[in-house]
Protein backbone atom coordinates (compact mmCIF):
# COMPACT_ATOMS: atom_id res chain seq x y z
CA MET A 1 14.95 -6.13 -31.44
CA PRO A 2 15.08 -3.41 -28.66
CA LEU A 3 11.96 -3.10 -26.32
CA GLN A 4 10.21 -0.07 -26.56
CA ARG A 5 9.37 1.92 -23.13
CA ARG A 6 5.78 2.04 -22.28
CA VAL A 7 3.95 4.09 -20.10
CA VAL A 8 0.96 2.54 -18.05
CA VAL A 9 -1.63 5.27 -16.88
CA VAL A 10 -3.90 3.85 -13.94
CA HIS A 11 -6.72 5.57 -12.82
CA ARG A 12 -10.10 4.74 -10.98
CA ARG A 13 -13.78 5.57 -12.36
CA THR A 14 -14.85 8.90 -11.10
CA GLU A 15 -17.92 9.73 -8.96
CA LEU A 16 -19.72 10.96 -11.98
CA ASP A 17 -19.06 7.72 -13.93
CA GLU A 18 -20.42 5.48 -10.89
CA LEU A 19 -23.61 7.77 -10.98
CA LEU A 20 -24.26 7.37 -14.86
CA ASP A 21 -23.74 3.50 -14.33
CA ARG A 22 -26.25 3.41 -11.56
CA HIS A 23 -28.94 6.05 -12.54
CA ALA A 24 -28.78 6.02 -16.34
CA THR A 25 -29.15 9.39 -17.14
CA ARG A 26 -27.79 12.76 -15.85
CA GLY A 27 -30.98 14.14 -14.91
CA GLN A 28 -31.55 11.11 -12.65
CA ALA A 29 -28.22 11.44 -11.17
CA GLU A 30 -28.83 15.11 -10.37
CA PHE A 31 -32.14 14.28 -8.65
CA PHE A 32 -30.50 11.57 -6.67
CA LEU A 33 -27.60 14.17 -5.45
CA ARG A 34 -30.39 17.05 -4.68
CA THR A 35 -32.20 14.53 -2.46
CA ARG A 36 -28.73 14.21 -0.43
CA GLY A 37 -27.80 17.78 -0.52
CA ARG A 38 -25.46 18.10 -3.29
CA THR A 39 -25.37 19.39 -6.55
CA LEU A 40 -24.22 17.69 -9.80
CA ALA A 41 -21.88 20.76 -10.72
CA ALA A 42 -19.81 19.97 -8.12
CA VAL A 43 -19.24 16.45 -8.88
CA GLN A 44 -18.97 17.11 -13.03
CA GLU A 45 -16.02 19.72 -11.81
CA ARG A 46 -13.95 17.08 -9.93
CA HIS A 47 -14.69 14.62 -12.66
CA ASP A 48 -13.63 17.21 -15.18
CA ALA A 49 -10.27 17.56 -13.34
CA VAL A 50 -9.34 13.93 -13.20
CA THR A 51 -10.34 13.93 -16.90
CA GLU A 52 -8.24 16.78 -18.01
CA ALA A 53 -5.25 15.73 -15.76
CA ARG A 54 -5.12 12.23 -17.63
CA ALA A 55 -5.32 14.03 -20.97
CA ARG A 56 -2.40 16.13 -20.07
CA VAL A 57 -0.08 12.91 -18.94
CA VAL A 58 -0.96 11.26 -22.20
CA ALA A 59 -0.10 14.12 -24.21
CA ALA A 60 3.13 14.36 -22.41
CA ILE A 61 4.28 10.75 -23.44
CA PRO A 62 7.37 10.90 -25.07
CA GLU A 63 7.11 10.20 -28.87
CA GLY A 64 7.75 6.76 -29.70
CA TRP A 65 7.11 5.30 -26.43
CA ARG A 66 3.88 2.98 -26.13
CA ARG A 67 1.01 3.74 -23.70
CA ALA A 68 -1.70 1.17 -21.79
CA ASP A 69 -4.60 2.66 -19.82
CA VAL A 70 -5.62 0.60 -16.86
CA GLU A 71 -8.63 0.91 -14.71
CA ARG A 72 -8.14 -0.03 -10.96
CA ALA A 73 -10.41 -2.84 -11.20
CA ASP A 74 -8.18 -4.64 -13.96
CA LEU A 75 -5.10 -4.23 -12.10
CA GLY A 76 -5.13 -7.79 -11.08
CA ARG A 77 -5.01 -8.71 -14.51
CA PHE A 78 -2.70 -6.71 -15.99
CA LEU A 79 0.97 -7.48 -16.49
CA VAL A 80 3.52 -4.48 -15.78
CA ALA A 81 6.62 -5.33 -17.85
CA PRO A 82 10.03 -4.37 -16.21
CA GLU A 83 10.90 -1.45 -18.62
CA ASP A 84 7.14 0.17 -18.11
CA VAL A 85 6.92 3.57 -16.54
CA VAL A 86 3.73 3.70 -14.19
CA VAL A 87 1.76 6.82 -13.79
CA VAL A 88 -1.17 6.86 -11.14
CA VAL A 89 -3.56 9.81 -11.53
CA GLY A 90 -5.70 10.10 -8.54
CA GLN A 91 -5.92 9.82 -4.83
CA ASP A 92 -3.33 8.41 -2.52
CA GLY A 93 -4.83 4.91 -2.19
CA LEU A 94 -4.75 4.20 -5.66
CA VAL A 95 -0.81 4.37 -5.77
CA ALA A 96 -1.14 1.82 -2.73
CA ASN A 97 -3.34 -0.33 -4.92
CA VAL A 98 -0.70 -0.29 -7.80
CA ALA A 99 2.16 -1.07 -5.34
CA LYS A 100 1.92 -4.78 -5.00
CA TYR A 101 2.01 -5.39 -8.87
CA LEU A 102 5.26 -3.72 -9.14
CA THR A 103 8.81 -4.79 -9.18
CA ASP A 104 11.29 -1.68 -9.25
CA GLN A 105 9.27 0.35 -12.09
CA PRO A 106 9.22 4.05 -11.53
CA VAL A 107 5.91 5.40 -10.53
CA LEU A 108 4.59 8.92 -10.88
CA GLY A 109 1.88 9.79 -8.55
CA VAL A 110 -0.22 12.58 -10.05
CA ASP A 111 -2.64 14.78 -7.93
CA PRO A 112 -5.57 16.24 -10.32
CA GLU A 113 -6.92 18.28 -7.22
CA PRO A 114 -4.11 19.41 -5.42
CA GLY A 115 -5.49 20.70 -1.97
CA THR A 116 -8.00 17.98 -1.96
CA ASN A 117 -5.95 14.70 -1.53
CA ALA A 118 -3.36 14.49 1.57
CA GLY A 119 -0.49 13.87 -1.35
CA ALA A 120 1.57 11.36 0.86
CA LEU A 121 1.93 9.34 -2.07
CA VAL A 122 0.47 11.24 -5.37
CA ARG A 123 3.16 14.15 -4.93
CA LEU A 124 3.34 15.49 -8.09
CA ASP A 125 1.02 18.20 -9.80
CA VAL A 126 -0.19 17.94 -13.32
CA THR A 127 2.38 20.11 -14.58
CA THR A 128 5.39 18.61 -12.85
CA ALA A 129 4.41 15.19 -13.95
CA GLU A 130 4.55 16.35 -17.69
CA ARG A 131 8.02 17.84 -17.04
CA LEU A 132 9.26 14.65 -15.56
CA LEU A 133 8.08 12.68 -18.78
CA THR A 134 9.48 14.97 -21.18
CA ARG A 135 13.01 14.56 -19.25
CA ALA A 136 12.67 11.03 -19.17
CA GLY A 137 11.88 10.87 -22.83
CA LYS A 138 15.13 12.85 -23.65
CA ALA A 139 17.28 10.93 -21.31
CA ALA A 140 15.82 7.75 -22.91
CA GLY A 141 17.02 8.65 -26.25
CA THR A 142 14.88 9.29 -29.32
CA PRO A 143 13.33 5.96 -31.28
CA GLY A 144 15.77 4.28 -33.26
CA GLY A 145 18.94 6.43 -31.73
CA PRO A 146 21.86 5.25 -29.77
CA ARG A 147 20.21 5.23 -26.39
CA SER A 148 16.90 3.58 -27.50
CA ALA A 149 18.06 0.04 -26.81
CA ALA A 150 16.58 -2.17 -24.49
CA PRO A 151 15.95 -0.72 -21.21
CA PRO A 152 18.63 -2.07 -18.31
CA PRO A 153 16.74 -4.80 -16.21
CA ASP A 154 18.19 -3.37 -13.14
CA GLY A 155 15.85 -0.97 -11.28
CA ALA A 156 18.44 1.75 -10.26
CA ALA A 157 20.10 1.52 -13.20
CA GLN A 158 16.70 2.15 -14.96
CA LEU A 159 15.91 5.11 -13.20
CA GLY A 160 19.35 6.62 -13.70
CA SER A 161 18.78 6.12 -17.59
CA LEU A 162 15.35 8.21 -17.24
CA GLY A 163 17.06 10.79 -15.56
CA LEU A 164 14.17 10.48 -12.47
CA ARG A 165 14.78 10.88 -8.78
CA THR A 166 12.86 8.58 -6.37
CA GLU A 167 12.01 7.63 -2.68
CA ASP A 168 12.05 4.09 -2.29
CA LEU A 169 8.96 3.19 -0.04
CA THR A 170 9.13 0.21 2.39
CA THR A 171 6.63 -2.47 1.87
CA VAL A 172 4.90 -5.22 3.75
CA VAL A 173 4.59 -8.85 2.87
CA ALA A 174 2.36 -11.50 4.31
CA HIS A 175 3.31 -15.46 3.85
CA LEU A 176 0.96 -18.36 4.35
CA ASP A 177 2.81 -21.61 5.12
CA ASP A 178 1.47 -23.14 1.93
CA GLY A 179 3.26 -20.71 -0.27
CA GLN A 180 0.46 -18.19 -0.91
CA HIS A 181 1.80 -14.46 -0.30
CA LEU A 182 0.30 -10.95 -0.14
CA ALA A 183 2.24 -7.65 -0.34
CA ALA A 184 1.00 -4.21 0.46
CA LEU A 185 2.15 -0.71 0.62
CA ASN A 186 0.66 0.64 3.60
CA GLU A 187 -0.80 -2.24 5.71
CA VAL A 188 -1.27 -5.86 6.35
CA PHE A 189 -4.76 -6.92 8.33
CA VAL A 190 -5.14 -10.18 9.86
CA GLY A 191 -8.53 -10.69 11.36
CA HIS A 192 -11.83 -12.73 11.07
CA PRO A 193 -13.80 -12.17 7.88
CA SER A 194 -16.94 -10.75 10.04
CA HIS A 195 -17.16 -9.05 13.02
CA GLN A 196 -16.43 -11.95 15.58
CA SER A 197 -13.28 -12.24 17.48
CA ALA A 198 -10.14 -13.54 15.69
CA ARG A 199 -8.09 -16.42 17.73
CA TYR A 200 -4.67 -17.18 17.19
CA ARG A 201 -1.40 -17.46 18.94
CA ILE A 202 0.88 -14.54 18.19
CA ALA A 203 4.97 -14.44 18.46
CA ALA A 204 6.82 -11.40 17.64
CA ASP A 205 10.72 -10.60 17.32
CA GLY A 206 12.69 -7.76 16.22
CA PRO A 207 12.74 -4.49 18.29
CA GLY A 208 9.84 -3.62 20.04
CA GLY A 209 8.47 -6.96 20.07
CA GLY A 210 5.99 -6.03 22.54
CA SER A 211 5.49 -6.68 26.44
CA GLY A 212 4.66 -10.29 26.68
CA THR A 213 6.95 -12.96 28.21
CA ASP A 214 8.41 -16.09 26.58
CA GLY A 215 5.83 -18.12 27.78
CA GLU A 216 2.32 -18.74 26.47
CA ARG A 217 0.21 -15.81 28.05
CA GLY A 218 2.47 -12.43 28.20
CA GLY A 219 3.09 -10.61 31.48
CA SER A 220 5.28 -7.81 32.79
CA GLY A 221 8.46 -8.06 30.41
CA GLU A 222 10.33 -4.90 29.07
CA ARG A 223 8.00 -2.48 27.41
CA GLY A 224 8.31 -2.95 23.51
CA ALA A 225 5.99 -0.47 22.23
CA ALA A 226 6.48 1.32 18.57
CA GLY A 227 8.60 3.88 20.58
CA GLY A 228 9.16 2.05 23.67
CA ARG A 229 12.23 -0.11 24.66
CA GLY A 230 12.24 -3.74 23.03
CA PRO A 231 13.62 -6.99 23.74
CA VAL A 232 16.99 -7.67 22.95
CA ARG A 233 17.67 -9.38 19.16
CA GLY A 234 17.10 -13.06 19.41
CA SER A 235 14.29 -13.05 21.74
CA VAL A 236 10.72 -14.07 20.62
CA ARG A 237 7.75 -13.15 22.95
CA ARG A 238 4.56 -15.10 22.49
CA GLU A 239 0.88 -15.03 23.47
CA ARG A 240 -2.39 -16.76 22.85
CA GLN A 241 -5.03 -14.01 21.96
CA SER A 242 -8.66 -13.23 20.96
CA SER A 243 -9.07 -9.60 19.35
CA SER A 244 -10.38 -7.81 16.44
CA GLY A 245 -7.30 -8.59 14.56
CA VAL A 246 -3.81 -7.41 13.91
CA ILE A 247 -2.38 -4.63 11.60
CA VAL A 248 0.91 -4.49 10.63
CA ALA A 249 1.95 -1.13 8.74
CA THR A 250 4.76 0.33 6.86
CA GLY A 251 5.83 4.16 7.44
CA ALA A 252 3.75 4.91 4.23
CA GLY A 253 1.01 3.53 5.94
CA ALA A 254 1.70 5.80 9.24
CA THR A 255 -0.37 8.39 8.05
CA GLY A 256 -3.43 5.97 7.99
CA TRP A 257 -5.20 3.31 10.02
CA CYS A 258 -2.10 2.85 11.84
CA ALA A 259 -2.04 6.50 12.90
CA SER A 260 -5.62 6.50 14.40
CA ILE A 261 -4.62 3.51 16.65
CA ALA A 262 -1.17 4.89 17.52
CA ARG A 263 -2.77 8.08 18.52
CA GLU A 264 -5.72 6.39 20.51
CA ARG A 265 -2.86 4.77 22.61
CA GLY A 266 -1.36 7.86 23.63
CA GLY A 267 1.16 8.57 20.86
CA ARG A 268 3.50 5.83 19.39
CA ARG A 269 6.89 6.41 17.53
CA LEU A 270 5.78 5.17 13.94
CA PRO A 271 8.27 4.42 11.10
CA GLY A 272 8.99 6.50 8.20
CA PRO A 273 8.03 5.83 4.86
CA THR A 274 11.60 4.56 3.88
CA ASP A 275 12.62 3.19 6.85
CA PRO A 276 13.03 -0.73 6.90
CA LEU A 277 10.43 -0.97 9.73
CA LEU A 278 7.32 -2.18 10.32
CA ALA A 279 4.98 -1.27 13.23
CA TRP A 280 2.21 -3.54 14.69
CA PHE A 281 -1.02 -3.34 16.91
CA VAL A 282 -3.65 -5.93 18.28
CA ARG A 283 -6.99 -4.20 17.98
CA GLU A 284 -9.04 -4.67 21.64
CA ALA A 285 -7.06 -7.84 22.71
CA TRP A 286 -9.50 -9.54 25.15
CA PRO A 287 -8.03 -10.78 28.53
CA SER A 288 -9.55 -13.73 30.04
CA PRO A 289 -8.33 -17.15 31.65
CA ALA A 290 -7.14 -18.73 28.27
CA THR A 291 -6.12 -15.57 26.40
CA GLY A 292 -3.79 -12.46 27.22
CA ALA A 293 -3.33 -8.59 26.05
CA ASP A 294 0.14 -7.79 26.94
CA LEU A 295 1.55 -8.53 23.73
CA THR A 296 -0.33 -5.80 21.75
CA GLU A 297 2.40 -3.72 19.75
CA GLY A 298 5.79 -3.01 18.32
CA LEU A 299 8.31 -2.51 15.72
CA LEU A 300 9.85 -5.10 13.40
CA ASP A 301 12.88 -4.53 11.71
CA ALA A 302 14.21 -5.77 8.29
CA ASN A 303 15.22 -9.08 10.06
CA GLY A 304 12.06 -9.43 12.32
CA GLU A 305 9.18 -11.58 11.78
CA LEU A 306 5.25 -11.50 13.21
CA ARG A 307 3.90 -15.06 13.25
CA LEU A 308 0.26 -15.87 14.03
CA THR A 309 -1.01 -19.58 14.53
CA VAL A 310 -4.47 -19.52 13.59
CA GLU A 311 -6.93 -20.96 16.22
CA SER A 312 -10.10 -20.01 14.50
CA ASP A 313 -12.02 -21.63 11.59
CA GLN A 314 -10.41 -19.08 9.58
CA LEU A 315 -8.78 -15.80 9.23
CA VAL A 316 -8.08 -13.31 6.26
CA VAL A 317 -5.44 -11.75 5.17
CA PHE A 318 -5.86 -8.65 3.11
CA GLY A 319 -3.58 -5.41 2.20
CA ASP A 320 -4.30 -1.79 1.85
CA GLY A 321 -7.94 -1.61 2.52
CA VAL A 322 -8.71 -4.36 -0.44
CA GLU A 323 -11.07 -6.96 1.46
CA SER A 324 -11.79 -8.67 -2.27
CA ASP A 325 -7.93 -9.39 -2.50
CA ARG A 326 -7.30 -11.72 0.39
CA LEU A 327 -5.54 -14.92 1.55
CA VAL A 328 -7.54 -17.08 3.93
CA ALA A 329 -5.42 -19.17 6.68
CA THR A 330 -7.34 -21.91 8.07
CA TRP A 331 -7.15 -23.67 11.96
CA GLY A 332 -3.49 -24.09 12.23
CA GLN A 333 -1.92 -22.62 9.75
CA GLU A 334 0.84 -19.99 10.33
CA ILE A 335 0.94 -16.55 8.89
CA THR A 336 4.24 -14.66 8.54
CA VAL A 337 4.32 -11.01 8.03
CA ARG A 338 7.73 -9.30 7.37
CA VAL A 339 9.41 -6.20 5.76
CA GLY A 340 8.74 -6.89 1.89
CA GLU A 341 11.74 -7.44 -0.35
CA ASN A 342 10.37 -5.26 -2.91
CA ARG A 343 10.21 -1.36 -2.50
CA LEU A 344 7.90 0.96 -4.24
CA ARG A 345 10.24 3.58 -6.16
CA LEU A 346 8.00 6.74 -5.93
CA VAL A 347 9.23 9.61 -8.17
CA VAL A 348 9.68 12.89 -6.55
CA GLY A 349 11.55 14.64 -9.22
């Protein structure tokens, strides 16, 4: 029996939902907001905008297609099928939260409040999303028609059959030497779970592998910053470090956390969203008799790797700012970060 296509609508609870959970009544919520110089009307307006956007997206789902609604907190327990079309209604960060659970499914990022969000990942307004869903329904065929058979397994073929045009965004993945891995769309952070220093040995290759040396400390080797010249292919730079952690970002994450670090360092060239490159930065490396602070930034291409060998009781690895979904690496374990195999297929038209 042919598979029915399904639209998975992803959203997160609004501020009003959270306020009512916390304060039980609208009156109590309004009093709380007034004590902080805010009004319930403004919160209600944003809630209504998100609710209306979701309702319009749901109404535009093609006849005969199935539908599933998923709240952000439930993403880790929800299985996205190969034939699904994912519609994210909310902020840019919500698209990043979804990305790690996908394998080639097309994603429509819908901005319910144009002008409020940056729009780096939620690039479609509601009207455009409605039009694209209608087009996809016509391209796929009506239920029971000659084109309503099981969707093709190949991601590119699936998008072609739906008449959707995408931009394929690079992802980043971190692997532990025990087989665990974690993927992210914007960035991966490796560091201590508290505000203590993270201790590790770092080894980087690929273009812009840093300015350390092949020795254990680092020195005045060729400049390899994200934007400077890097070592030739095959060279590996190593250093023992104590720092506030390491950030490895994609081009999609180059407008967020990574951008602020690059700006503080005088501006660095960062990859574009579709470039198969990663930019990495060490935060607040501490120079001491036992640790160096030379190998602190660089670029990794599709074949490059950043490896960290843990020299603390434990370090954590999490992606896109979601600390609750993390890996824990203990003393002696190796963490390897590289360009992810999967790409996020973000629908642009």
